[in-house]
C-alpha atoms as a PDB file:
ATOM      1  CA  MET A   1       0.179  -0.050  -0.035  1.00  0.00           C
ATOM      2  CA  THR A   2       1.234   3.570  -0.824  1.00  0.00           C
ATOM      3  CA  ASP A   3       1.809   6.322   1.466  1.00  0.00           C
ATOM      4  CA  LYS A   4      -1.057   8.064  -0.039  1.00  0.00           C
ATOM      5  CA  THR A   5      -3.001   5.141  -0.188  1.00  0.00           C
ATOM      6  CA  THR A   6      -2.181   4.557   3.791  1.00  0.00           C
ATOM      7  CA  GLU A   7      -2.696   8.962   4.404  1.00  0.00           C
ATOM      8  CA  ASN A   8      -6.389   8.324   2.711  1.00  0.00           C
ATOM      9  CA  THR A   9      -7.667   5.514   4.833  1.00  0.00           C
ATOM     10  CA  GLU A  10      -6.403   7.056   7.978  1.00  0.00           C
ATOM     11  CA  THR A  11      -8.132  10.544   6.577  1.00  0.00           C
ATOM     12  CA  LYS A  12     -11.485   8.057   6.347  1.00  0.00           C
ATOM     13  CA  ALA A  13     -10.980   6.535   9.680  1.00  0.00           C
ATOM     14  CA  ALA A  14     -10.810   9.727  11.277  1.00  0.00           C
ATOM     15  CA  SER A  15     -13.918  11.148   9.935  1.00  0.00           C
ATOM     16  CA  ALA A  16     -15.747   8.059  10.736  1.00  0.00           C
ATOM     17  CA  ALA A  17     -14.700   8.403  14.290  1.00  0.00           C
ATOM     18  CA  GLY A  18     -16.389  11.482  14.244  1.00  0.00           C
ATOM     19  CA  PRO A  19     -15.412  14.998  15.636  1.00  0.00           C
ATOM     20  CA  LYS A  20     -13.802  14.167  18.508  1.00  0.00           C
ATOM     21  CA  ALA A  21     -10.983  11.573  17.324  1.00  0.00           C
ATOM     22  CA  GLU A  22      -9.837  14.842  16.079  1.00  0.00           C
ATOM     23  CA  LYS A  23      -9.110  16.145  19.104  1.00  0.00           C
ATOM     24  CA  LEU A  24      -7.311  13.396  20.722  1.00  0.00           C
ATOM     25  CA  ILE A  25      -3.743  14.039  21.922  1.00  0.00           C
ATOM     26  CA  VAL A  26      -1.706  11.347  23.276  1.00  0.00           C
ATOM     27  CA  SER A  27       0.947  12.841  25.292  1.00  0.00           C
ATOM     28  CA  SER A  28       3.009  11.690  28.291  1.00  0.00           C
ATOM     29  CA  SER A  29       2.058  12.242  32.345  1.00  0.00           C
ATOM     30  CA  PRO A  30       1.004  13.614  33.830  1.00  0.00           C
ATOM     31  CA  HIS A  31      -2.654  14.552  32.714  1.00  0.00           C
ATOM     32  CA  PHE A  32      -4.665  16.874  34.052  1.00  0.00           C
ATOM     33  CA  LEU A  33      -8.310  17.090  32.803  1.00  0.00           C
ATOM     34  CA  ASN A  34      -9.387  19.607  34.554  1.00  0.00           C
ATOM     35  CA  THR A  35      -9.946  23.707  33.625  1.00  0.00           C
ATOM     36  CA  GLU A  36      -7.770  25.250  36.765  1.00  0.00           C
ATOM     37  CA  SER A  37      -5.589  27.913  36.095  1.00  0.00           C
ATOM     38  CA  VAL A  38      -3.145  30.027  38.160  1.00  0.00           C
ATOM     39  CA  PRO A  39      -5.992  33.643  37.866  1.00  0.00           C
ATOM     40  CA  LYS A  40      -8.241  31.041  38.942  1.00  0.00           C
ATOM     41  CA  ILE A  41      -6.998  29.456  41.900  1.00  0.00           C
ATOM     42  CA  MET A  42      -5.780  33.123  43.279  1.00  0.00           C
ATOM     43  CA  HIS A  43      -9.046  34.558  43.003  1.00  0.00           C
ATOM     44  CA  THR A  44     -10.634  31.846  44.869  1.00  0.00           C
ATOM     45  CA  VAL A  45      -7.817  32.379  47.641  1.00  0.00           C
ATOM     46  CA  VAL A  46      -9.009  35.879  47.479  1.00  0.00           C
ATOM     47  CA  MET A  47     -12.862  35.327  48.118  1.00  0.00           C
ATOM     48  CA  ALA A  48     -11.459  32.719  50.914  1.00  0.00           C
ATOM     49  CA  LEU A  49      -9.980  36.085  52.507  1.00  0.00           C
ATOM     50  CA  PHE A  50     -13.180  37.977  52.671  1.00  0.00           C
ATOM     51  CA  PRO A  51     -13.961  36.813  56.000  1.00  0.00           C
ATOM     52  CA  ALA A  52     -11.148  37.416  57.355  1.00  0.00           C
ATOM     53  CA  VAL A  53     -11.507  40.859  55.987  1.00  0.00           C
ATOM     54  CA  ALA A  54     -14.977  41.680  57.122  1.00  0.00           C
ATOM     55  CA  ALA A  55     -14.566  40.948  60.414  1.00  0.00           C
ATOM     56  CA  SER A  56     -11.380  43.164  60.827  1.00  0.00           C
ATOM     57  CA  VAL A  57     -13.903  45.966  59.623  1.00  0.00           C
ATOM     58  CA  TYR A  58     -16.517  45.099  62.079  1.00  0.00           C
ATOM     59  CA  PHE A  59     -13.865  45.078  65.052  1.00  0.00           C
ATOM     60  CA  PHE A  60     -11.999  48.026  63.960  1.00  0.00           C
ATOM     61  CA  GLY A  61     -13.974  50.349  61.562  1.00  0.00           C
ATOM     62  CA  PHE A  62     -13.407  51.932  57.753  1.00  0.00           C
ATOM     63  CA  ARG A  63      -9.967  52.263  59.135  1.00  0.00           C
ATOM     64  CA  ALA A  64      -9.262  48.217  58.519  1.00  0.00           C
ATOM     65  CA  LEU A  65     -10.918  48.944  54.805  1.00  0.00           C
ATOM     66  CA  LEU A  66      -8.931  51.732  54.049  1.00  0.00           C
ATOM     67  CA  LEU A  67      -5.559  49.224  54.790  1.00  0.00           C
ATOM     68  CA  VAL A  68      -6.489  46.552  52.978  1.00  0.00           C
ATOM     69  CA  LEU A  69      -7.165  49.132  49.865  1.00  0.00           C
ATOM     70  CA  VAL A  70      -4.094  50.838  50.106  1.00  0.00           C
ATOM     71  CA  CYS A  71      -2.506  47.762  50.717  1.00  0.00           C
ATOM     72  CA  VAL A  72      -3.850  46.040  47.844  1.00  0.00           C
ATOM     73  CA  ALA A  73      -3.486  48.740  45.084  1.00  0.00           C
ATOM     74  CA  SER A  74       0.066  49.256  46.241  1.00  0.00           C
ATOM     75  CA  CYS A  75       0.706  45.459  45.381  1.00  0.00           C
ATOM     76  CA  MET A  76      -0.793  45.446  41.789  1.00  0.00           C
ATOM     77  CA  LEU A  77       0.648  49.076  40.929  1.00  0.00           C
ATOM     78  CA  SER A  78       3.987  48.045  42.109  1.00  0.00           C
ATOM     79  CA  GLU A  79       3.588  44.576  40.298  1.00  0.00           C
ATOM     80  CA  TYR A  80       2.884  46.575  37.215  1.00  0.00           C
ATOM     81  CA  TRP A  81       6.015  49.140  37.751  1.00  0.00           C
ATOM     82  CA  MET A  82       8.288  46.151  37.661  1.00  0.00           C
ATOM     83  CA  GLN A  83       7.213  44.148  34.859  1.00  0.00           C
ATOM     84  CA  LYS A  84       6.912  46.840  32.617  1.00  0.00           C
ATOM     85  CA  ILE A  85      10.834  48.245  33.500  1.00  0.00           C
ATOM     86  CA  ARG A  86      11.581  44.290  33.130  1.00  0.00           C
ATOM     87  CA  LYS A  87      10.034  44.116  29.827  1.00  0.00           C
ATOM     88  CA  LYS A  88       7.663  41.298  31.362  1.00  0.00           C
ATOM     89  CA  PRO A  89       4.409  40.381  30.445  1.00  0.00           C
ATOM     90  CA  VAL A  90       1.790  42.350  32.443  1.00  0.00           C
ATOM     91  CA  THR A  91       0.198  39.445  35.142  1.00  0.00           C
ATOM     92  CA  VAL A  92      -1.127  41.897  37.809  1.00  0.00           C
ATOM     93  CA  TYR A  93      -4.606  40.607  36.983  1.00  0.00           C
ATOM     94  CA  ASP A  94      -3.673  37.162  38.103  1.00  0.00           C
ATOM     95  CA  GLY A  95      -4.881  37.863  41.303  1.00  0.00           C
ATOM     96  CA  SER A  96      -1.549  37.164  43.076  1.00  0.00           C
ATOM     97  CA  ALA A  97      -0.715  40.633  44.295  1.00  0.00           C
ATOM     98  CA  ILE A  98      -3.935  41.091  45.441  1.00  0.00           C
ATOM     99  CA  ILE A  99      -3.429  38.297  47.604  1.00  0.00           C
ATOM    100  CA  THR A 100      -0.054  39.498  48.533  1.00  0.00           C
ATOM    101  CA  GLY A 101      -1.992  42.829  49.483  1.00  0.00           C
ATOM    102  CA  MET A 102      -4.721  41.384  51.798  1.00  0.00           C
ATOM    103  CA  LEU A 103      -2.538  39.477  52.920  1.00  0.00           C
ATOM    104  CA  LEU A 104      -0.182  42.082  54.339  1.00  0.00           C
ATOM    105  CA  ALA A 105      -2.876  44.138  55.439  1.00  0.00           C
ATOM    106  CA  LEU A 106      -4.653  41.854  57.675  1.00  0.00           C
ATOM    107  CA  THR A 107      -0.868  41.225  59.586  1.00  0.00           C
ATOM    108  CA  LEU A 108      -1.213  45.117  60.064  1.00  0.00           C
ATOM    109  CA  PRO A 109      -2.826  46.890  63.473  1.00  0.00           C
ATOM    110  CA  PRO A 110      -5.339  49.185  62.160  1.00  0.00           C
ATOM    111  CA  SER A 111      -3.442  52.044  63.334  1.00  0.00           C
ATOM    112  CA  PHE A 112      -0.675  51.817  61.182  1.00  0.00           C
ATOM    113  CA  PRO A 113       0.048  54.712  58.736  1.00  0.00           C
ATOM    114  CA  VAL A 114      -1.211  54.617  55.384  1.00  0.00           C
ATOM    115  CA  PHE A 115       2.321  55.347  53.852  1.00  0.00           C
ATOM    116  CA  GLY A 116       4.098  52.892  55.777  1.00  0.00           C
ATOM    117  CA  ALA A 117       1.607  50.358  54.625  1.00  0.00           C
ATOM    118  CA  PHE A 118       2.514  51.713  51.044  1.00  0.00           C
ATOM    119  CA  LEU A 119       6.092  51.000  51.884  1.00  0.00           C
ATOM    120  CA  GLY A 120       5.546  47.744  52.558  1.00  0.00           C
ATOM    121  CA  SER A 121       3.502  46.627  49.907  1.00  0.00           C
ATOM    122  CA  PHE A 122       6.255  48.138  47.674  1.00  0.00           C
ATOM    123  CA  PHE A 123       8.737  46.232  48.982  1.00  0.00           C
ATOM    124  CA  ALA A 124       6.929  43.002  49.337  1.00  0.00           C
ATOM    125  CA  ILE A 125       6.216  42.965  45.662  1.00  0.00           C
ATOM    126  CA  VAL A 126       9.800  44.512  44.470  1.00  0.00           C
ATOM    127  CA  VAL A 127      12.086  42.630  46.722  1.00  0.00           C
ATOM    128  CA  GLY A 128       9.898  39.698  47.625  1.00  0.00           C
ATOM    129  CA  LYS A 129       8.609  38.773  44.420  1.00  0.00           C
ATOM    130  CA  GLN A 130       9.735  40.368  41.431  1.00  0.00           C
ATOM    131  CA  LEU A 131      13.728  40.363  41.827  1.00  0.00           C
ATOM    132  CA  PHE A 132      13.413  36.839  42.292  1.00  0.00           C
ATOM    133  CA  GLY A 133      11.747  36.699  38.997  1.00  0.00           C
ATOM    134  CA  GLY A 134       7.802  36.905  39.390  1.00  0.00           C
ATOM    135  CA  LEU A 135       5.333  34.765  40.410  1.00  0.00           C
ATOM    136  CA  GLY A 136       6.603  30.650  41.025  1.00  0.00           C
ATOM    137  CA  PHE A 137      10.498  31.528  41.474  1.00  0.00           C
ATOM    138  CA  ASN A 138      10.164  33.919  44.855  1.00  0.00           C
ATOM    139  CA  ILE A 139      11.811  31.658  47.856  1.00  0.00           C
ATOM    140  CA  PHE A 140       9.583  33.615  50.543  1.00  0.00           C
ATOM    141  CA  ASN A 141       5.958  34.499  51.267  1.00  0.00           C
ATOM    142  CA  PRO A 142       6.281  38.406  49.729  1.00  0.00           C
ATOM    143  CA  ALA A 143       3.268  39.160  52.292  1.00  0.00           C
ATOM    144  CA  LEU A 144       5.678  38.214  55.083  1.00  0.00           C
ATOM    145  CA  LEU A 145       8.614  39.331  54.036  1.00  0.00           C
ATOM    146  CA  GLY A 146       7.256  42.782  53.744  1.00  0.00           C
ATOM    147  CA  ARG A 147       5.803  42.522  57.489  1.00  0.00           C
ATOM    148  CA  ALA A 148       9.251  42.126  58.354  1.00  0.00           C
ATOM    149  CA  PHE A 149      10.518  44.982  56.607  1.00  0.00           C
ATOM    150  CA  MET A 150       7.754  46.997  58.239  1.00  0.00           C
ATOM    151  CA  GLN A 151       9.005  45.367  61.398  1.00  0.00           C
ATOM    152  CA  ALA A 152      12.242  46.630  61.066  1.00  0.00           C
ATOM    153  CA  THR A 153      11.283  50.273  59.601  1.00  0.00           C
ATOM    154  CA  TYR A 154       8.455  51.078  62.390  1.00  0.00           C
ATOM    155  CA  PRO A 155       9.192  49.141  65.064  1.00  0.00           C
ATOM    156  CA  VAL A 156       6.744  51.219  67.097  1.00  0.00           C
ATOM    157  CA  LEU A 157       4.195  51.718  64.709  1.00  0.00           C
ATOM    158  CA  ILE A 158       3.492  48.217  64.206  1.00  0.00           C
ATOM    159  CA  THR A 159       3.796  47.106  67.807  1.00  0.00           C
ATOM    160  CA  THR A 160       0.806  49.803  68.694  1.00  0.00           C
ATOM    161  CA  TRP A 161      -2.399  48.122  69.418  1.00  0.00           C
ATOM    162  CA  THR A 162      -6.386  49.429  69.394  1.00  0.00           C
ATOM    163  CA  SER A 163      -8.831  47.388  71.348  1.00  0.00           C
ATOM    164  CA  PRO A 164     -11.345  46.849  69.208  1.00  0.00           C
ATOM    165  CA  ARG A 165     -14.805  48.560  68.868  1.00  0.00           C
ATOM    166  CA  THR A 166     -16.711  46.198  70.624  1.00  0.00           C
ATOM    167  CA  VAL A 167     -15.081  46.357  73.827  1.00  0.00           C
ATOM    168  CA  GLY A 168     -16.668  49.250  75.229  1.00  0.00           C
ATOM    169  CA  HIS A 169     -14.510  51.794  73.037  1.00  0.00           C
ATOM    170  CA  ALA A 170     -16.475  52.684  70.201  1.00  0.00           C
ATOM    171  CA  VAL A 171     -15.808  56.380  69.810  1.00  0.00           C
ATOM    172  CA  ASP A 172     -12.034  56.486  70.548  1.00  0.00           C
ATOM    173  CA  ALA A 173      -9.995  53.447  70.199  1.00  0.00           C
ATOM    174  CA  VAL A 174      -7.096  52.965  72.949  1.00  0.00           C
ATOM    175  CA  SER A 175      -4.319  51.295  73.182  1.00  0.00           C
ATOM    176  CA  ALA A 176      -4.104  47.962  74.238  1.00  0.00           C
ATOM    177  CA  ALA A 177      -1.718  44.903  74.387  1.00  0.00           C
ATOM    178  CA  THR A 178      -2.389  42.309  72.562  1.00  0.00           C
ATOM    179  CA  PRO A 179      -3.464  38.541  74.157  1.00  0.00           C
ATOM    180  CA  LEU A 180       0.316  37.181  73.216  1.00  0.00           C
ATOM    181  CA  ALA A 181       1.648  40.233  74.853  1.00  0.00           C
ATOM    182  CA  LEU A 182      -0.276  40.117  78.093  1.00  0.00           C
ATOM    183  CA  MET A 183       0.443  36.192  78.477  1.00  0.00           C
ATOM    184  CA  LYS A 184       4.240  37.247  77.815  1.00  0.00           C
ATOM    185  CA  PHE A 185       4.875  40.255  79.880  1.00  0.00           C
ATOM    186  CA  GLU A 186       2.062  40.014  82.689  1.00  0.00           C
ATOM    187  CA  GLY A 187       1.497  36.635  83.104  1.00  0.00           C
ATOM    188  CA  LYS A 188      -2.776  37.118  81.855  1.00  0.00           C
ATOM    189  CA  LEU A 189      -4.801  34.710  79.538  1.00  0.00           C
ATOM    190  CA  THR A 190      -7.412  36.234  77.342  1.00  0.00           C
ATOM    191  CA  PRO A 191     -10.424  33.921  77.189  1.00  0.00           C
ATOM    192  CA  LEU A 192     -10.237  31.505  74.573  1.00  0.00           C
ATOM    193  CA  MET A 193     -13.873  32.734  73.792  1.00  0.00           C
ATOM    194  CA  ASP A 194     -12.834  36.443  72.831  1.00  0.00           C
ATOM    195  CA  LEU A 195     -10.281  34.731  70.561  1.00  0.00           C
ATOM    196  CA  PHE A 196     -12.475  32.423  68.717  1.00  0.00           C
ATOM    197  CA  VAL A 197     -14.755  35.230  68.122  1.00  0.00           C
ATOM    198  CA  GLY A 198     -12.096  38.168  67.536  1.00  0.00           C
ATOM    199  CA  ASN A 199     -13.134  40.493  70.424  1.00  0.00           C
ATOM    200  CA  VAL A 200      -9.366  41.243  71.545  1.00  0.00           C
ATOM    201  CA  ALA A 201      -6.768  43.445  70.249  1.00  0.00           C
ATOM    202  CA  GLY A 202      -4.256  42.663  67.883  1.00  0.00           C
ATOM    203  CA  SER A 203      -3.335  42.550  64.081  1.00  0.00           C
ATOM    204  CA  MET A 204      -6.832  42.816  61.742  1.00  0.00           C
ATOM    205  CA  GLY A 205      -6.550  39.579  60.460  1.00  0.00           C
ATOM    206  CA  GLU A 206      -5.417  37.747  63.415  1.00  0.00           C
ATOM    207  CA  THR A 207      -8.059  38.265  65.922  1.00  0.00           C
ATOM    208  CA  SER A 208     -11.148  36.272  64.915  1.00  0.00           C
ATOM    209  CA  VAL A 209     -10.181  32.776  64.155  1.00  0.00           C
ATOM    210  CA  ILE A 210     -13.613  31.700  63.093  1.00  0.00           C
ATOM    211  CA  ALA A 211     -13.669  33.964  60.102  1.00  0.00           C
ATOM    212  CA  ILE A 212     -10.014  32.697  58.919  1.00  0.00           C
ATOM    213  CA  LEU A 213     -11.697  28.839  59.606  1.00  0.00           C
ATOM    214  CA  LEU A 214     -14.170  29.729  57.106  1.00  0.00           C
ATOM    215  CA  GLY A 215     -12.009  30.727  54.263  1.00  0.00           C
ATOM    216  CA  GLY A 216      -9.190  28.265  55.223  1.00  0.00           C
ATOM    217  CA  LEU A 217     -11.910  25.432  55.157  1.00  0.00           C
ATOM    218  CA  TYR A 218     -13.711  27.031  51.964  1.00  0.00           C
ATOM    219  CA  LEU A 219     -10.421  26.178  49.933  1.00  0.00           C
ATOM    220  CA  ARG A 220      -9.564  22.925  51.312  1.00  0.00           C
ATOM    221  CA  TYR A 221     -12.895  22.027  50.296  1.00  0.00           C
ATOM    222  CA  LYS A 222     -11.926  23.586  46.589  1.00  0.00           C
ATOM    223  CA  GLY A 223      -8.795  21.058  46.856  1.00  0.00           C
ATOM    224  CA  TYR A 224      -6.292  24.108  46.500  1.00  0.00           C
ATOM    225  CA  ILE A 225      -4.695  23.562  49.844  1.00  0.00           C
ATOM    226  CA  ASN A 226      -2.850  20.262  51.334  1.00  0.00           C
ATOM    227  CA  TRP A 227      -4.574  19.228  54.744  1.00  0.00           C
ATOM    228  CA  LYS A 228      -0.836  18.474  56.124  1.00  0.00           C
ATOM    229  CA  LEU A 229       0.359  22.033  55.736  1.00  0.00           C
ATOM    230  CA  PRO A 230      -1.842  23.880  58.278  1.00  0.00           C
ATOM    231  CA  LEU A 231      -2.858  21.043  60.187  1.00  0.00           C
ATOM    232  CA  GLY A 232       0.548  19.798  60.618  1.00  0.00           C
ATOM    233  CA  TYR A 233       2.007  23.197  61.415  1.00  0.00           C
ATOM    234  CA  LEU A 234      -1.335  23.828  63.932  1.00  0.00           C
ATOM    235  CA  GLY A 235      -0.759  20.203  65.649  1.00  0.00           C
ATOM    236  CA  SER A 236       2.927  20.700  65.806  1.00  0.00           C
ATOM    237  CA  MET A 237       2.276  24.285  68.002  1.00  0.00           C
ATOM    238  CA  ALA A 238      -0.035  21.991  69.762  1.00  0.00           C
ATOM    239  CA  VAL A 239       2.385  19.826  70.540  1.00  0.00           C
ATOM    240  CA  VAL A 240       5.072  21.419  72.016  1.00  0.00           C
ATOM    241  CA  GLY A 241       2.780  24.355  73.659  1.00  0.00           C
ATOM    242  CA  GLY A 242       1.254  21.145  75.502  1.00  0.00           C
ATOM    243  CA  ALA A 243       4.445  19.572  76.733  1.00  0.00           C
ATOM    244  CA  PHE A 244       5.669  23.223  78.317  1.00  0.00           C
ATOM    245  CA  TRP A 245       1.763  23.503  79.453  1.00  0.00           C
ATOM    246  CA  LEU A 246       2.097  20.148  80.991  1.00  0.00           C
ATOM    247  CA  ALA A 247       5.231  21.094  82.585  1.00  0.00           C
ATOM    248  CA  ASP A 248       4.096  23.895  84.313  1.00  0.00           C
ATOM    249  CA  PRO A 249       0.482  24.699  83.438  1.00  0.00           C
ATOM    250  CA  ALA A 250       0.833  27.433  85.939  1.00  0.00           C
ATOM    251  CA  ARG A 251       3.078  29.260  84.016  1.00  0.00           C
ATOM    252  CA  TYR A 252       2.494  28.471  80.132  1.00  0.00           C
ATOM    253  CA  PRO A 253      -1.158  28.513  78.141  1.00  0.00           C
ATOM    254  CA  SER A 254      -2.856  25.476  76.728  1.00  0.00           C
ATOM    255  CA  PRO A 255      -2.158  24.124  73.493  1.00  0.00           C
ATOM    256  CA  LEU A 256      -5.433  26.001  72.600  1.00  0.00           C
ATOM    257  CA  PHE A 257      -4.028  29.145  73.608  1.00  0.00           C
ATOM    258  CA  HIS A 258      -1.338  29.125  71.206  1.00  0.00           C
ATOM    259  CA  LEU A 259      -3.637  28.130  68.372  1.00  0.00           C
ATOM    260  CA  PHE A 260      -6.209  30.807  68.852  1.00  0.00           C
ATOM    261  CA  ALA A 261      -4.005  33.664  69.475  1.00  0.00           C
ATOM    262  CA  GLY A 262      -1.628  35.417  67.142  1.00  0.00           C
ATOM    263  CA  GLY A 263      -1.334  35.055  63.548  1.00  0.00           C
ATOM    264  CA  ALA A 264      -1.510  31.069  64.631  1.00  0.00           C
ATOM    265  CA  MET A 265      -4.378  30.608  62.033  1.00  0.00           C
ATOM    266  CA  LEU A 266      -3.894  33.143  59.358  1.00  0.00           C
ATOM    267  CA  GLY A 267      -0.009  31.807  59.077  1.00  0.00           C
ATOM    268  CA  ALA A 268      -1.616  27.915  59.005  1.00  0.00           C
ATOM    269  CA  TRP A 269      -4.399  28.262  56.481  1.00  0.00           C
ATOM    270  CA  PHE A 270      -3.040  31.107  54.100  1.00  0.00           C
ATOM    271  CA  MET A 271       0.841  31.652  54.534  1.00  0.00           C
ATOM    272  CA  VAL A 272       2.329  28.073  55.166  1.00  0.00           C
ATOM    273  CA  THR A 273      -0.215  26.610  52.280  1.00  0.00           C
ATOM    274  CA  ASP A 274       1.501  28.922  50.099  1.00  0.00           C
ATOM    275  CA  MET A 275       1.987  26.682  46.601  1.00  0.00           C
ATOM    276  CA  VAL A 276       4.621  28.720  45.539  1.00  0.00           C
ATOM    277  CA  THR A 277       6.811  28.697  48.873  1.00  0.00           C
ATOM    278  CA  SER A 278       6.236  25.445  50.508  1.00  0.00           C
ATOM    279  CA  PRO A 279       7.718  22.046  49.790  1.00  0.00           C
ATOM    280  CA  VAL A 280       5.941  19.580  47.021  1.00  0.00           C
ATOM    281  CA  THR A 281       7.481  16.451  48.379  1.00  0.00           C
ATOM    282  CA  PRO A 282       5.038  14.373  50.882  1.00  0.00           C
ATOM    283  CA  LEU A 283       8.245  14.191  53.571  1.00  0.00           C
ATOM    284  CA  GLY A 284       9.611  17.854  53.044  1.00  0.00           C
ATOM    285  CA  GLN A 285       6.064  18.960  53.676  1.00  0.00           C
ATOM    286  CA  TRP A 286       5.899  17.395  56.836  1.00  0.00           C
ATOM    287  CA  ILE A 287       9.468  18.522  58.332  1.00  0.00           C
ATOM    288  CA  PHE A 288       8.343  21.935  56.859  1.00  0.00           C
ATOM    289  CA  VAL A 289       5.292  22.196  59.127  1.00  0.00           C
ATOM    290  CA  VAL A 290       6.464  20.283  62.231  1.00  0.00           C
ATOM    291  CA  LEU A 291       9.661  22.066  62.357  1.00  0.00           C
ATOM    292  CA  GLY A 292       7.845  25.392  61.839  1.00  0.00           C
ATOM    293  CA  GLY A 293       5.095  25.048  64.267  1.00  0.00           C
ATOM    294  CA  ALA A 294       7.281  23.927  67.039  1.00  0.00           C
ATOM    295  CA  MET A 295       9.776  27.125  66.382  1.00  0.00           C
ATOM    296  CA  ALA A 296       6.611  29.479  66.534  1.00  0.00           C
ATOM    297  CA  VAL A 297       5.900  28.005  70.045  1.00  0.00           C
ATOM    298  CA  ILE A 298       9.727  28.297  71.115  1.00  0.00           C
ATOM    299  CA  ILE A 299      10.048  31.916  69.991  1.00  0.00           C
ATOM    300  CA  ARG A 300       6.431  32.925  71.530  1.00  0.00           C
ATOM    301  CA  LEU A 301       7.500  31.160  74.985  1.00  0.00           C
ATOM    302  CA  LEU A 302      11.571  31.286  75.262  1.00  0.00           C
ATOM    303  CA  GLY A 303      12.570  34.209  72.643  1.00  0.00           C
ATOM    304  CA  GLY A 304      12.420  37.785  73.169  1.00  0.00           C
ATOM    305  CA  LEU A 305       9.154  38.476  70.880  1.00  0.00           C
ATOM    306  CA  PRO A 306       5.547  38.123  71.722  1.00  0.00           C
ATOM    307  CA  GLU A 307       5.145  36.196  68.465  1.00  0.00           C
ATOM    308  CA  GLY A 308       7.087  33.763  66.152  1.00  0.00           C
ATOM    309  CA  VAL A 309       4.817  32.686  63.345  1.00  0.00           C
ATOM    310  CA  MET A 310       6.212  35.073  60.689  1.00  0.00           C
ATOM    311  CA  TYR A 311       9.565  34.231  61.526  1.00  0.00           C
ATOM    312  CA  SER A 312       9.472  30.559  61.634  1.00  0.00           C
ATOM    313  CA  ILE A 313       7.200  30.554  58.735  1.00  0.00           C
ATOM    314  CA  LEU A 314      10.513  32.937  56.991  1.00  0.00           C
ATOM    315  CA  PHE A 315      12.703  30.899  58.191  1.00  0.00           C
ATOM    316  CA  MET A 316      11.660  27.887  56.939  1.00  0.00           C
ATOM    317  CA  ASN A 317      11.140  28.958  53.324  1.00  0.00           C
ATOM    318  CA  ALA A 318      14.397  29.485  53.286  1.00  0.00           C
ATOM    319  CA  PHE A 319      14.863  25.774  53.313  1.00  0.00           C
ATOM    320  CA  VAL A 320      12.344  24.750  51.183  1.00  0.00           C
ATOM    321  CA  PRO A 321      14.663  24.398  47.978  1.00  0.00           C
ATOM    322  CA  LEU A 322      16.608  21.715  50.184  1.00  0.00           C
ATOM    323  CA  LEU A 323      13.533  19.565  51.232  1.00  0.00           C
ATOM    324  CA  ASN A 324      12.691  19.430  47.568  1.00  0.00           C
ATOM    325  CA  LYS A 325      15.791  17.921  46.546  1.00  0.00           C
ATOM    326  CA  HIS A 326      16.666  15.437  49.711  1.00  0.00           C
ATOM    327  CA  THR A 327      13.161  14.429  49.992  1.00  0.00           C
ATOM    328  CA  ARG A 328      12.238  13.471  46.568  1.00  0.00           C
ATOM    329  CA  PRO A 329      10.417   9.713  46.320  1.00  0.00           C
ATOM    330  CA  LYS A 330      12.693   7.028  44.880  1.00  0.00           C
ATOM    331  CA  VAL A 331      11.807   6.681  40.890  1.00  0.00           C
ATOM    332  CA  PHE A 332      11.285   3.184  40.017  1.00  0.00           C
ATOM    333  CA  GLY A 333      12.936   2.163  36.554  1.00  0.00           C
ATOM    334  CA  GLU A 334      15.687   4.612  36.888  1.00  0.00           C
ATOM    335  CA  ILE A 335      18.991   3.122  35.589  1.00  0.00           C
ATOM    336  CA  LYS A 336      22.033   5.078  37.599  1.00  0.00           C
ATOM    337  CA  THR A 337      24.965   5.646  34.949  1.00  0.00           C
ATOM    338  CA  GLU A 338      28.414   4.649  36.016  1.00  0.00           C
ATOM    339  CA  GLN A 339      30.547   7.947  36.799  1.00  0.00           C
ATOM    340  CA  SER A 340      34.270   7.713  35.574  1.00  0.00           C
END
């Protein structure tokens, strides 16, 4: 049979099989049979952060909303500017810069100055993301890196807290200590129900546990986060905190206090689970969250700062490339070549 006859036969067979046969593409694994995309995932995360933003506005007023808008707008403008300078495709609408801005705002006290929020957002995008090459190449979580920058730049302003409007200060907010600061420096424990609802002083997104849980569980329902990461991080905090509590209950708080207070929930559900800055191997993920959670509690109880979530996540981010390299599963069927 000639080549021309073979070609005609194959064409007739494809036509007889219908239009589906023409769309069949044979390729190597993995095979993804869904419509997921980076913008879709990012915008879903943005939606998951809405309960935390709404809770911050409820407890701290429209000043909280202003900071969120400033951080989001600053992150988007910074990303657009950097991509134009680098002559790269502009991807500012994929949602990743919006997430960075929202997370950064939620780590700030509601009284933080607007200019400082703009500066921190600029640093988060330019240094924390674009200088590494953009989305997918950054080693550190950009929002946490921006928060760490502001911690060093504005150490007083970023630790100046105000009481929520629901604590009898609806008109004039007063300076107040966070539950972690009260525990560490004064030995006073905040009721767990106040921590769960969010009726305490603190960063805008670190007060209401229930609001953060709603968003985190929604992401888990959508399948966008690995359950091992938030539960492993929080579980590690509970185990290490529980060990200190059992050793001296009069001095150290209960494990639930560690989970509900400060940035534990926000960090566990929205920062530890960052697809770019967390390990991809199963063993690497466990090492990442267990060591990170333990470090957060140790900083809280034995360090000079009342909170350790931010530093624990950033520290473990630095080891993610090594974890991915040295915890890869064994490849079956691989043939090692002899080295001369």
